[in-house]
Amino acid sequence: NLQRVAFGKSTVRHSGTSGAARMSGNLEEIPLPDLMQLFGTSRKSGVLVIHSADVGRFVLRDGLIEDASIDGVPEMSPQKAAFRMLAWTQGTFALEPPREERSEHPLDLSAQEFLMEGFRQLDEFNNLRQMLPAPDKRLTLKTPLEAPLHELEQSQLDVLQLAINSPNLQATLDRSPKSDLETAQAMLALLRKGYIEPVG
């Protein structure tokens, strides 16, 4: 029982298994922003599973994003995971049946809110990323440390500690409770002011 539904120039596959509707496709054919607008307009409920370089999930309820997560980084906040997945342009997606249980602290983020704020952060982050070391570079405390620590804000001190305790820059981004944009801004300031430096 396989149906193909036209979506612009692309197609989305719908299949029925045990009475449960399933929708799947390719992100290169139907980008995530288009999917979210479609689900928001149709007030869709379900779990959107995305297989890209990593595996991520959006929990949708009545068209709103209730929760979001990326496998392997359970400490990442739902909002941060949602915005990071907006950058995923390759891979496959599948809409699984809805969850019965509600999230403890639902985001209840509309597609419009998600896309507007997500794209703003993504654009700014992409500009900063070009000025940062490669994601696999380890960051270490600069020695001798001449820059005074008392001049740092608490948020910058938190990122400093994360950076020197993480195996590489990407791990610092993953472990930071702040958004990727805020973490990148702090790391760039620490690098420019001479608190940390890349190894190798």
N, C-alpha and C. Protein backbone atom coordinates (compact mmCIF):
# COMPACT_ATOMS: atom_id res chain seq x y z
N ASN A 1 0.86 -1.19 0.00
CA ASN A 1 0.00 0.00 0.00
C ASN A 1 0.89 1.23 0.00
N LEU A 2 1.38 1.60 -1.16
CA LEU A 2 2.33 2.71 -1.28
C LEU A 2 1.75 3.77 -2.19
N GLN A 3 1.70 4.99 -1.67
CA GLN A 3 1.20 6.10 -2.48
C GLN A 3 2.30 7.12 -2.61
N ARG A 4 2.33 7.79 -3.75
CA ARG A 4 3.30 8.86 -3.96
C ARG A 4 2.53 10.15 -4.15
N VAL A 5 2.87 11.15 -3.37
CA VAL A 5 2.15 12.42 -3.41
C VAL A 5 3.09 13.50 -3.92
N ALA A 6 2.66 14.23 -4.92
CA ALA A 6 3.51 15.28 -5.49
C ALA A 6 3.69 16.41 -4.49
N PHE A 7 4.92 16.93 -4.40
CA PHE A 7 5.23 18.07 -3.54
C PHE A 7 6.17 18.94 -4.33
N GLY A 8 5.63 19.95 -5.01
CA GLY A 8 6.45 20.75 -5.90
C GLY A 8 6.94 19.86 -7.03
N LYS A 9 8.27 19.83 -7.20
CA LYS A 9 8.86 18.99 -8.24
C LYS A 9 9.28 17.64 -7.66
N SER A 10 9.04 17.45 -6.35
CA SER A 10 9.50 16.25 -5.68
C SER A 10 8.33 15.37 -5.30
N THR A 11 8.62 14.26 -4.68
CA THR A 11 7.58 13.37 -4.22
C THR A 11 7.84 12.95 -2.79
N VAL A 12 6.76 12.73 -2.08
CA VAL A 12 6.81 12.20 -0.72
C VAL A 12 6.14 10.85 -0.75
N ARG A 13 6.72 9.88 -0.10
CA ARG A 13 6.16 8.53 -0.09
C ARG A 13 5.32 8.33 1.17
N HIS A 14 4.10 7.85 0.98
CA HIS A 14 3.23 7.50 2.09
C HIS A 14 3.03 5.99 2.05
N SER A 15 3.19 5.33 3.17
CA SER A 15 2.94 3.90 3.21
C SER A 15 2.10 3.59 4.43
N GLY A 16 1.24 2.60 4.30
CA GLY A 16 0.41 2.19 5.43
C GLY A 16 0.86 0.86 5.96
N THR A 17 1.22 0.82 7.22
CA THR A 17 1.63 -0.44 7.85
C THR A 17 0.89 -0.55 9.17
N SER A 18 0.11 -1.61 9.30
CA SER A 18 -0.68 -1.85 10.51
C SER A 18 -1.56 -0.65 10.85
N GLY A 19 -2.06 0.00 9.83
CA GLY A 19 -2.95 1.12 10.04
C GLY A 19 -2.26 2.42 10.40
N ALA A 20 -0.94 2.41 10.53
CA ALA A 20 -0.22 3.62 10.92
C ALA A 20 0.33 4.30 9.67
N ALA A 21 0.01 5.58 9.52
CA ALA A 21 0.50 6.31 8.36
C ALA A 21 1.98 6.62 8.54
N ARG A 22 2.74 6.50 7.45
CA ARG A 22 4.16 6.79 7.50
C ARG A 22 4.51 7.61 6.26
N MET A 23 5.26 8.66 6.48
CA MET A 23 5.64 9.54 5.39
C MET A 23 7.15 9.62 5.38
N SER A 24 7.77 9.46 4.24
CA SER A 24 9.23 9.48 4.18
C SER A 24 9.69 10.11 2.88
N GLY A 25 10.96 10.52 2.87
CA GLY A 25 11.50 11.16 1.68
C GLY A 25 12.94 11.54 1.87
N ASN A 26 13.43 12.39 0.97
CA ASN A 26 14.83 12.79 0.95
C ASN A 26 14.92 14.29 1.18
N LEU A 27 15.84 14.70 2.08
CA LEU A 27 15.98 16.12 2.39
C LEU A 27 16.48 16.94 1.20
N GLU A 28 17.18 16.31 0.28
CA GLU A 28 17.65 17.04 -0.89
C GLU A 28 16.48 17.37 -1.81
N GLU A 29 15.43 16.57 -1.77
CA GLU A 29 14.24 16.83 -2.57
C GLU A 29 13.27 17.74 -1.84
N ILE A 30 13.11 17.50 -0.54
CA ILE A 30 12.20 18.31 0.27
C ILE A 30 12.96 18.77 1.50
N PRO A 31 13.49 20.00 1.50
CA PRO A 31 14.27 20.50 2.63
C PRO A 31 13.44 20.58 3.91
N LEU A 32 14.14 20.54 5.04
CA LEU A 32 13.48 20.58 6.34
C LEU A 32 12.56 21.80 6.51
N PRO A 33 12.96 23.02 6.07
CA PRO A 33 12.04 24.16 6.22
C PRO A 33 10.70 23.94 5.53
N ASP A 34 10.73 23.32 4.33
CA ASP A 34 9.48 23.04 3.62
C ASP A 34 8.64 22.04 4.38
N LEU A 35 9.31 21.02 4.94
CA LEU A 35 8.59 20.02 5.72
C LEU A 35 7.90 20.65 6.93
N MET A 36 8.64 21.50 7.64
CA MET A 36 8.09 22.10 8.85
C MET A 36 6.91 23.01 8.53
N GLN A 37 7.00 23.73 7.43
CA GLN A 37 5.87 24.58 7.03
C GLN A 37 4.66 23.73 6.67
N LEU A 38 4.91 22.61 6.00
CA LEU A 38 3.82 21.68 5.62
C LEU A 38 3.17 21.10 6.88
N PHE A 39 3.99 20.64 7.82
CA PHE A 39 3.45 20.04 9.04
C PHE A 39 2.74 21.08 9.91
N GLY A 40 3.28 22.30 9.92
CA GLY A 40 2.64 23.35 10.70
C GLY A 40 1.28 23.71 10.15
N THR A 41 1.19 23.86 8.83
CA THR A 41 -0.07 24.22 8.19
C THR A 41 -1.12 23.12 8.34
N SER A 42 -0.67 21.87 8.25
CA SER A 42 -1.61 20.75 8.35
C SER A 42 -1.81 20.27 9.78
N ARG A 43 -1.16 20.96 10.76
CA ARG A 43 -1.28 20.63 12.18
C ARG A 43 -0.99 19.15 12.44
N LYS A 44 0.11 18.70 11.88
CA LYS A 44 0.51 17.29 11.94
C LYS A 44 1.05 16.92 13.32
N SER A 45 0.82 15.69 13.72
CA SER A 45 1.42 15.13 14.94
C SER A 45 2.21 13.89 14.56
N GLY A 46 3.34 13.69 15.23
CA GLY A 46 4.18 12.53 14.95
C GLY A 46 5.60 12.81 15.36
N VAL A 47 6.48 11.85 15.10
CA VAL A 47 7.91 12.00 15.38
C VAL A 47 8.65 12.00 14.05
N LEU A 48 9.22 13.13 13.69
CA LEU A 48 9.98 13.25 12.44
C LEU A 48 11.41 12.82 12.72
N VAL A 49 11.82 11.69 12.15
CA VAL A 49 13.16 11.14 12.36
C VAL A 49 14.01 11.49 11.14
N ILE A 50 15.14 12.13 11.37
CA ILE A 50 16.02 12.55 10.29
C ILE A 50 17.34 11.80 10.38
N HIS A 51 17.72 11.15 9.29
CA HIS A 51 19.01 10.45 9.21
C HIS A 51 19.93 11.26 8.31
N SER A 52 20.88 11.97 8.91
CA SER A 52 21.87 12.74 8.16
C SER A 52 23.24 12.24 8.62
N ALA A 53 24.21 13.13 8.82
CA ALA A 53 25.48 12.70 9.41
C ALA A 53 25.23 12.14 10.80
N ASP A 54 24.22 12.71 11.49
CA ASP A 54 23.75 12.20 12.76
C ASP A 54 22.26 11.87 12.61
N VAL A 55 21.68 11.37 13.69
CA VAL A 55 20.24 11.06 13.68
C VAL A 55 19.55 12.00 14.65
N GLY A 56 18.53 12.69 14.17
CA GLY A 56 17.80 13.63 15.02
C GLY A 56 16.31 13.38 14.96
N ARG A 57 15.60 13.93 15.95
CA ARG A 57 14.15 13.72 16.04
C ARG A 57 13.44 15.02 16.43
N PHE A 58 12.35 15.29 15.74
CA PHE A 58 11.42 16.35 16.12
C PHE A 58 10.13 15.69 16.58
N VAL A 59 9.65 16.03 17.76
CA VAL A 59 8.34 15.57 18.21
C VAL A 59 7.33 16.66 17.88
N LEU A 60 6.38 16.34 17.03
CA LEU A 60 5.39 17.31 16.57
C LEU A 60 4.03 16.98 17.18
N ARG A 61 3.34 18.02 17.65
CA ARG A 61 1.99 17.83 18.15
C ARG A 61 1.12 18.97 17.65
N ASP A 62 0.14 18.60 16.83
CA ASP A 62 -0.76 19.60 16.23
C ASP A 62 0.00 20.70 15.50
N GLY A 63 1.08 20.32 14.82
CA GLY A 63 1.84 21.26 14.00
C GLY A 63 2.90 22.04 14.75
N LEU A 64 2.95 21.91 16.08
CA LEU A 64 3.96 22.60 16.88
C LEU A 64 5.11 21.66 17.21
N ILE A 65 6.33 22.23 17.31
CA ILE A 65 7.48 21.43 17.74
C ILE A 65 7.43 21.33 19.26
N GLU A 66 7.18 20.13 19.75
CA GLU A 66 7.08 19.91 21.19
C GLU A 66 8.44 19.60 21.79
N ASP A 67 9.27 18.87 21.05
CA ASP A 67 10.57 18.45 21.56
C ASP A 67 11.49 18.19 20.37
N ALA A 68 12.79 18.19 20.62
CA ALA A 68 13.78 17.89 19.58
C ALA A 68 15.01 17.32 20.26
N SER A 69 15.68 16.40 19.58
CA SER A 69 16.88 15.78 20.15
C SER A 69 17.76 15.23 19.05
N ILE A 70 19.04 15.09 19.36
CA ILE A 70 20.01 14.48 18.45
C ILE A 70 20.65 13.31 19.17
N ASP A 71 20.66 12.14 18.55
CA ASP A 71 21.23 10.95 19.17
C ASP A 71 22.70 11.17 19.54
N GLY A 72 23.07 10.69 20.72
CA GLY A 72 24.47 10.79 21.14
C GLY A 72 24.80 12.01 21.95
N VAL A 73 23.90 12.99 21.98
CA VAL A 73 24.12 14.20 22.80
C VAL A 73 22.87 14.48 23.63
N PRO A 74 22.57 13.59 24.60
CA PRO A 74 21.34 13.73 25.38
C PRO A 74 21.29 15.00 26.22
N GLU A 75 22.48 15.58 26.51
CA GLU A 75 22.49 16.79 27.34
C GLU A 75 22.13 18.05 26.55
N MET A 76 22.05 17.94 25.23
CA MET A 76 21.74 19.11 24.41
C MET A 76 20.28 19.53 24.59
N SER A 77 20.05 20.82 24.76
CA SER A 77 18.69 21.31 24.96
C SER A 77 17.86 21.09 23.69
N PRO A 78 16.54 20.89 23.85
CA PRO A 78 15.68 20.68 22.68
C PRO A 78 15.75 21.82 21.67
N GLN A 79 15.77 23.05 22.15
CA GLN A 79 15.81 24.20 21.23
C GLN A 79 17.12 24.23 20.44
N LYS A 80 18.22 23.95 21.13
CA LYS A 80 19.52 23.94 20.46
C LYS A 80 19.58 22.83 19.41
N ALA A 81 19.04 21.66 19.75
CA ALA A 81 19.00 20.54 18.80
C ALA A 81 18.16 20.90 17.58
N ALA A 82 17.02 21.54 17.81
CA ALA A 82 16.14 21.92 16.71
C ALA A 82 16.84 22.88 15.75
N PHE A 83 17.48 23.91 16.30
CA PHE A 83 18.15 24.89 15.45
C PHE A 83 19.33 24.27 14.72
N ARG A 84 20.05 23.35 15.37
CA ARG A 84 21.19 22.72 14.70
C ARG A 84 20.73 21.88 13.52
N MET A 85 19.62 21.17 13.68
CA MET A 85 19.14 20.31 12.59
C MET A 85 18.68 21.11 11.38
N LEU A 86 18.38 22.38 11.59
CA LEU A 86 17.98 23.23 10.46
C LEU A 86 19.08 23.32 9.41
N ALA A 87 20.33 23.10 9.83
CA ALA A 87 21.46 23.16 8.91
C ALA A 87 21.63 21.86 8.11
N TRP A 88 20.89 20.82 8.47
CA TRP A 88 21.03 19.53 7.78
C TRP A 88 20.30 19.60 6.43
N THR A 89 21.03 19.47 5.37
CA THR A 89 20.45 19.57 4.03
C THR A 89 20.51 18.26 3.25
N GLN A 90 21.19 17.26 3.81
CA GLN A 90 21.29 15.96 3.14
C GLN A 90 20.85 14.85 4.09
N GLY A 91 20.24 13.83 3.54
CA GLY A 91 19.80 12.71 4.35
C GLY A 91 18.36 12.35 4.03
N THR A 92 17.79 11.51 4.88
CA THR A 92 16.42 11.05 4.68
C THR A 92 15.58 11.39 5.91
N PHE A 93 14.28 11.41 5.71
CA PHE A 93 13.38 11.66 6.83
C PHE A 93 12.22 10.67 6.79
N ALA A 94 11.63 10.44 7.95
CA ALA A 94 10.44 9.59 8.05
C ALA A 94 9.59 10.11 9.20
N LEU A 95 8.31 10.27 8.95
CA LEU A 95 7.39 10.69 10.00
C LEU A 95 6.78 9.46 10.64
N GLU A 96 7.13 9.23 11.90
CA GLU A 96 6.63 8.08 12.64
C GLU A 96 5.36 8.46 13.41
N PRO A 97 4.62 7.47 13.90
CA PRO A 97 3.39 7.78 14.66
C PRO A 97 3.67 8.65 15.88
N PRO A 98 2.66 9.41 16.33
CA PRO A 98 2.85 10.31 17.48
C PRO A 98 3.12 9.55 18.77
N ARG A 99 3.80 10.23 19.69
CA ARG A 99 3.99 9.69 21.03
C ARG A 99 2.76 9.99 21.87
N GLU A 100 2.44 9.06 22.75
CA GLU A 100 1.29 9.29 23.63
C GLU A 100 1.66 10.25 24.76
N GLU A 101 2.87 10.06 25.33
CA GLU A 101 3.25 10.89 26.47
C GLU A 101 3.71 12.27 26.01
N ARG A 102 3.40 13.26 26.83
CA ARG A 102 3.83 14.63 26.54
C ARG A 102 5.22 14.88 27.12
N SER A 103 5.97 15.77 26.52
CA SER A 103 7.27 16.16 27.06
C SER A 103 7.05 16.95 28.36
N GLU A 104 8.01 16.82 29.28
CA GLU A 104 7.89 17.52 30.56
C GLU A 104 7.87 19.03 30.38
N HIS A 105 8.76 19.52 29.52
CA HIS A 105 8.84 20.97 29.27
C HIS A 105 8.74 21.19 27.76
N PRO A 106 7.52 21.13 27.21
CA PRO A 106 7.36 21.25 25.75
C PRO A 106 7.78 22.62 25.23
N LEU A 107 8.42 22.60 24.06
CA LEU A 107 8.80 23.85 23.41
C LEU A 107 7.58 24.60 22.88
N ASP A 108 6.66 23.83 22.28
CA ASP A 108 5.47 24.40 21.64
C ASP A 108 5.87 25.55 20.71
N LEU A 109 6.83 25.25 19.84
CA LEU A 109 7.38 26.23 18.91
C LEU A 109 6.69 26.08 17.57
N SER A 110 6.15 27.16 17.04
CA SER A 110 5.51 27.09 15.73
C SER A 110 6.56 27.01 14.64
N ALA A 111 6.14 26.54 13.47
CA ALA A 111 7.07 26.43 12.34
C ALA A 111 7.65 27.79 11.99
N GLN A 112 6.82 28.84 12.03
CA GLN A 112 7.29 30.18 11.69
C GLN A 112 8.33 30.68 12.69
N GLU A 113 8.06 30.48 13.98
CA GLU A 113 9.02 30.90 15.02
C GLU A 113 10.33 30.14 14.88
N PHE A 114 10.22 28.84 14.65
CA PHE A 114 11.39 27.99 14.50
C PHE A 114 12.25 28.43 13.32
N LEU A 115 11.63 28.69 12.19
CA LEU A 115 12.38 29.03 10.99
C LEU A 115 12.99 30.43 11.07
N MET A 116 12.23 31.39 11.61
CA MET A 116 12.75 32.76 11.68
C MET A 116 13.97 32.84 12.60
N GLU A 117 13.83 32.32 13.82
CA GLU A 117 14.94 32.39 14.77
C GLU A 117 16.06 31.43 14.37
N GLY A 118 15.69 30.26 13.86
CA GLY A 118 16.69 29.28 13.45
C GLY A 118 17.58 29.79 12.34
N PHE A 119 16.99 30.40 11.31
CA PHE A 119 17.78 30.93 10.20
C PHE A 119 18.64 32.12 10.64
N ARG A 120 18.11 32.94 11.56
CA ARG A 120 18.91 34.06 12.06
C ARG A 120 20.17 33.54 12.74
N GLN A 121 20.00 32.56 13.63
CA GLN A 121 21.15 32.00 14.34
C GLN A 121 22.09 31.28 13.38
N LEU A 122 21.52 30.55 12.43
CA LEU A 122 22.34 29.78 11.49
C LEU A 122 23.20 30.69 10.63
N ASP A 123 22.62 31.79 10.14
CA ASP A 123 23.37 32.73 9.31
C ASP A 123 24.54 33.33 10.09
N GLU A 124 24.26 33.77 11.32
CA GLU A 124 25.31 34.38 12.13
C GLU A 124 26.37 33.35 12.52
N PHE A 125 25.93 32.13 12.84
CA PHE A 125 26.89 31.08 13.21
C PHE A 125 27.79 30.72 12.04
N ASN A 126 27.22 30.61 10.84
CA ASN A 126 28.02 30.27 9.66
C ASN A 126 29.07 31.34 9.37
N ASN A 127 28.74 32.60 9.63
CA ASN A 127 29.72 33.67 9.44
C ASN A 127 30.86 33.55 10.45
N LEU A 128 30.52 33.21 11.70
CA LEU A 128 31.55 33.07 12.74
C LEU A 128 32.40 31.83 12.53
N ARG A 129 31.78 30.76 12.04
CA ARG A 129 32.48 29.48 11.92
C ARG A 129 33.72 29.59 11.02
N GLN A 130 33.65 30.48 10.05
CA GLN A 130 34.79 30.66 9.15
C GLN A 130 36.00 31.26 9.87
N MET A 131 35.75 31.89 11.01
CA MET A 131 36.84 32.51 11.77
C MET A 131 37.34 31.62 12.91
N LEU A 132 36.69 30.48 13.11
CA LEU A 132 37.09 29.55 14.16
C LEU A 132 37.97 28.44 13.60
N PRO A 133 38.76 27.78 14.45
CA PRO A 133 39.53 26.62 13.99
C PRO A 133 38.60 25.51 13.50
N ALA A 134 39.17 24.50 12.87
CA ALA A 134 38.39 23.37 12.37
C ALA A 134 37.70 22.65 13.54
N PRO A 135 36.54 22.03 13.30
CA PRO A 135 35.79 21.36 14.38
C PRO A 135 36.58 20.30 15.14
N ASP A 136 37.56 19.65 14.45
CA ASP A 136 38.31 18.58 15.11
C ASP A 136 39.56 19.09 15.83
N LYS A 137 39.77 20.41 15.84
CA LYS A 137 40.93 20.99 16.53
C LYS A 137 40.69 21.06 18.03
N ARG A 138 41.70 20.69 18.81
CA ARG A 138 41.61 20.82 20.25
C ARG A 138 42.01 22.23 20.66
N LEU A 139 41.30 22.79 21.62
CA LEU A 139 41.61 24.12 22.13
C LEU A 139 42.24 23.98 23.52
N THR A 140 43.29 24.72 23.77
CA THR A 140 43.97 24.62 25.05
C THR A 140 44.22 26.01 25.62
N LEU A 141 44.47 26.07 26.92
CA LEU A 141 44.76 27.33 27.59
C LEU A 141 46.10 27.86 27.09
N LYS A 142 46.14 29.11 26.72
CA LYS A 142 47.38 29.69 26.20
C LYS A 142 48.38 29.86 27.35
N THR A 143 49.61 29.44 27.11
CA THR A 143 50.66 29.59 28.14
C THR A 143 51.89 30.26 27.54
N PRO A 144 52.47 31.21 28.25
CA PRO A 144 51.96 31.77 29.50
C PRO A 144 50.68 32.55 29.27
N LEU A 145 49.77 32.50 30.25
CA LEU A 145 48.49 33.19 30.14
C LEU A 145 48.67 34.63 30.62
N GLU A 146 48.69 35.54 29.67
CA GLU A 146 48.89 36.95 30.01
C GLU A 146 47.57 37.71 30.14
N ALA A 147 46.55 37.24 29.43
CA ALA A 147 45.25 37.92 29.49
C ALA A 147 44.62 37.68 30.86
N PRO A 148 44.17 38.73 31.55
CA PRO A 148 43.62 38.58 32.90
C PRO A 148 42.26 37.90 32.92
N LEU A 149 42.13 36.86 33.73
CA LEU A 149 40.87 36.11 33.80
C LEU A 149 39.74 36.95 34.39
N HIS A 150 40.06 37.92 35.25
CA HIS A 150 39.01 38.70 35.91
C HIS A 150 38.25 39.60 34.94
N GLU A 151 38.79 39.75 33.73
CA GLU A 151 38.11 40.58 32.73
C GLU A 151 37.03 39.81 31.96
N LEU A 152 36.98 38.51 32.17
CA LEU A 152 36.00 37.68 31.46
C LEU A 152 34.65 37.72 32.17
N GLU A 153 33.58 37.68 31.37
CA GLU A 153 32.24 37.52 31.92
C GLU A 153 32.06 36.07 32.35
N GLN A 154 31.07 35.81 33.21
CA GLN A 154 30.84 34.45 33.69
C GLN A 154 30.56 33.49 32.54
N SER A 155 29.78 33.95 31.56
CA SER A 155 29.45 33.08 30.43
C SER A 155 30.70 32.71 29.63
N GLN A 156 31.65 33.65 29.53
CA GLN A 156 32.90 33.36 28.81
C GLN A 156 33.78 32.41 29.62
N LEU A 157 33.77 32.57 30.94
CA LEU A 157 34.53 31.64 31.80
C LEU A 157 33.99 30.22 31.67
N ASP A 158 32.67 30.10 31.59
CA ASP A 158 32.05 28.77 31.43
C ASP A 158 32.50 28.11 30.13
N VAL A 159 32.53 28.89 29.04
CA VAL A 159 32.95 28.35 27.74
C VAL A 159 34.45 28.05 27.76
N LEU A 160 35.22 28.88 28.45
CA LEU A 160 36.66 28.63 28.58
C LEU A 160 36.92 27.28 29.24
N GLN A 161 36.20 27.01 30.33
CA GLN A 161 36.37 25.74 31.03
C GLN A 161 35.96 24.57 30.14
N LEU A 162 34.84 24.74 29.44
CA LEU A 162 34.38 23.69 28.53
C LEU A 162 35.41 23.42 27.44
N ALA A 163 35.95 24.50 26.87
CA ALA A 163 36.89 24.37 25.75
C ALA A 163 38.14 23.60 26.14
N ILE A 164 38.70 23.90 27.31
CA ILE A 164 39.95 23.24 27.69
C ILE A 164 39.72 21.83 28.24
N ASN A 165 38.45 21.51 28.57
CA ASN A 165 38.13 20.16 29.05
C ASN A 165 37.55 19.26 27.97
N SER A 166 37.34 19.79 26.77
CA SER A 166 36.74 19.02 25.67
C SER A 166 37.83 18.55 24.70
N PRO A 167 37.60 17.41 24.04
CA PRO A 167 38.61 16.88 23.12
C PRO A 167 38.81 17.72 21.86
N ASN A 168 37.78 18.49 21.46
CA ASN A 168 37.91 19.34 20.28
C ASN A 168 36.82 20.42 20.28
N LEU A 169 36.89 21.28 19.29
CA LEU A 169 35.96 22.41 19.21
C LEU A 169 34.52 21.93 19.07
N GLN A 170 34.29 20.89 18.27
CA GLN A 170 32.92 20.39 18.07
C GLN A 170 32.33 19.90 19.38
N ALA A 171 33.14 19.22 20.19
CA ALA A 171 32.66 18.73 21.48
C ALA A 171 32.30 19.88 22.40
N THR A 172 33.04 20.99 22.30
CA THR A 172 32.71 22.18 23.09
C THR A 172 31.34 22.71 22.70
N LEU A 173 31.08 22.77 21.40
CA LEU A 173 29.76 23.21 20.93
C LEU A 173 28.66 22.28 21.42
N ASP A 174 28.92 20.96 21.36
CA ASP A 174 27.92 19.97 21.77
C ASP A 174 27.62 20.06 23.26
N ARG A 175 28.64 20.25 24.07
CA ARG A 175 28.48 20.20 25.52
C ARG A 175 27.98 21.51 26.13
N SER A 176 28.11 22.59 25.40
CA SER A 176 27.72 23.89 25.95
C SER A 176 26.20 23.98 26.09
N PRO A 177 25.71 24.44 27.25
CA PRO A 177 24.26 24.62 27.40
C PRO A 177 23.74 25.80 26.58
N LYS A 178 24.65 26.64 26.12
CA LYS A 178 24.25 27.78 25.30
C LYS A 178 24.05 27.35 23.84
N SER A 179 23.43 28.20 23.06
CA SER A 179 23.24 27.90 21.64
C SER A 179 24.59 27.82 20.94
N ASP A 180 24.60 27.20 19.76
CA ASP A 180 25.84 27.14 18.98
C ASP A 180 26.36 28.54 18.68
N LEU A 181 25.44 29.47 18.40
CA LEU A 181 25.84 30.84 18.09
C LEU A 181 26.50 31.50 19.30
N GLU A 182 25.87 31.42 20.46
CA GLU A 182 26.42 32.05 21.67
C GLU A 182 27.77 31.43 22.05
N THR A 183 27.87 30.11 21.90
CA THR A 183 29.12 29.42 22.23
C THR A 183 30.23 29.83 21.28
N ALA A 184 29.90 29.92 19.99
CA ALA A 184 30.89 30.32 18.99
C ALA A 184 31.35 31.76 19.24
N GLN A 185 30.41 32.64 19.62
CA GLN A 185 30.78 34.03 19.91
C GLN A 185 31.76 34.09 21.07
N ALA A 186 31.50 33.30 22.12
CA ALA A 186 32.39 33.28 23.29
C ALA A 186 33.75 32.71 22.93
N MET A 187 33.78 31.63 22.15
CA MET A 187 35.06 31.01 21.76
C MET A 187 35.90 31.96 20.92
N LEU A 188 35.25 32.67 20.01
CA LEU A 188 35.97 33.61 19.16
C LEU A 188 36.57 34.74 20.00
N ALA A 189 35.82 35.23 20.98
CA ALA A 189 36.34 36.28 21.87
C ALA A 189 37.53 35.76 22.67
N LEU A 190 37.45 34.53 23.16
CA LEU A 190 38.54 33.94 23.95
C LEU A 190 39.80 33.75 23.10
N LEU A 191 39.61 33.37 21.85
CA LEU A 191 40.74 33.19 20.94
C LEU A 191 41.40 34.53 20.63
N ARG A 192 40.58 35.53 20.33
CA ARG A 192 41.11 36.84 19.94
C ARG A 192 41.81 37.55 21.10
N LYS A 193 41.32 37.33 22.32
CA LYS A 193 41.89 38.01 23.48
C LYS A 193 43.08 37.23 24.09
N GLY A 194 43.38 36.06 23.50
CA GLY A 194 44.56 35.34 23.93
C GLY A 194 44.39 34.45 25.14
N TYR A 195 43.18 33.95 25.39
CA TYR A 195 42.94 33.03 26.50
C TYR A 195 43.15 31.56 26.09
N ILE A 196 42.74 31.24 24.88
CA ILE A 196 42.88 29.88 24.37
C ILE A 196 43.52 29.91 22.99
N GLU A 197 44.02 28.75 22.58
CA GLU A 197 44.63 28.63 21.24
C GLU A 197 44.45 27.20 20.75
N PRO A 198 44.37 27.00 19.43
CA PRO A 198 44.25 25.64 18.89
C PRO A 198 45.58 24.91 18.99
N VAL A 199 45.48 23.59 19.18
CA VAL A 199 46.68 22.76 19.25
C VAL A 199 46.97 22.20 17.86
N GLY A 200 48.21 22.29 17.43
CA GLY A 200 48.61 21.74 16.15
C GLY A 200 48.35 22.66 14.97
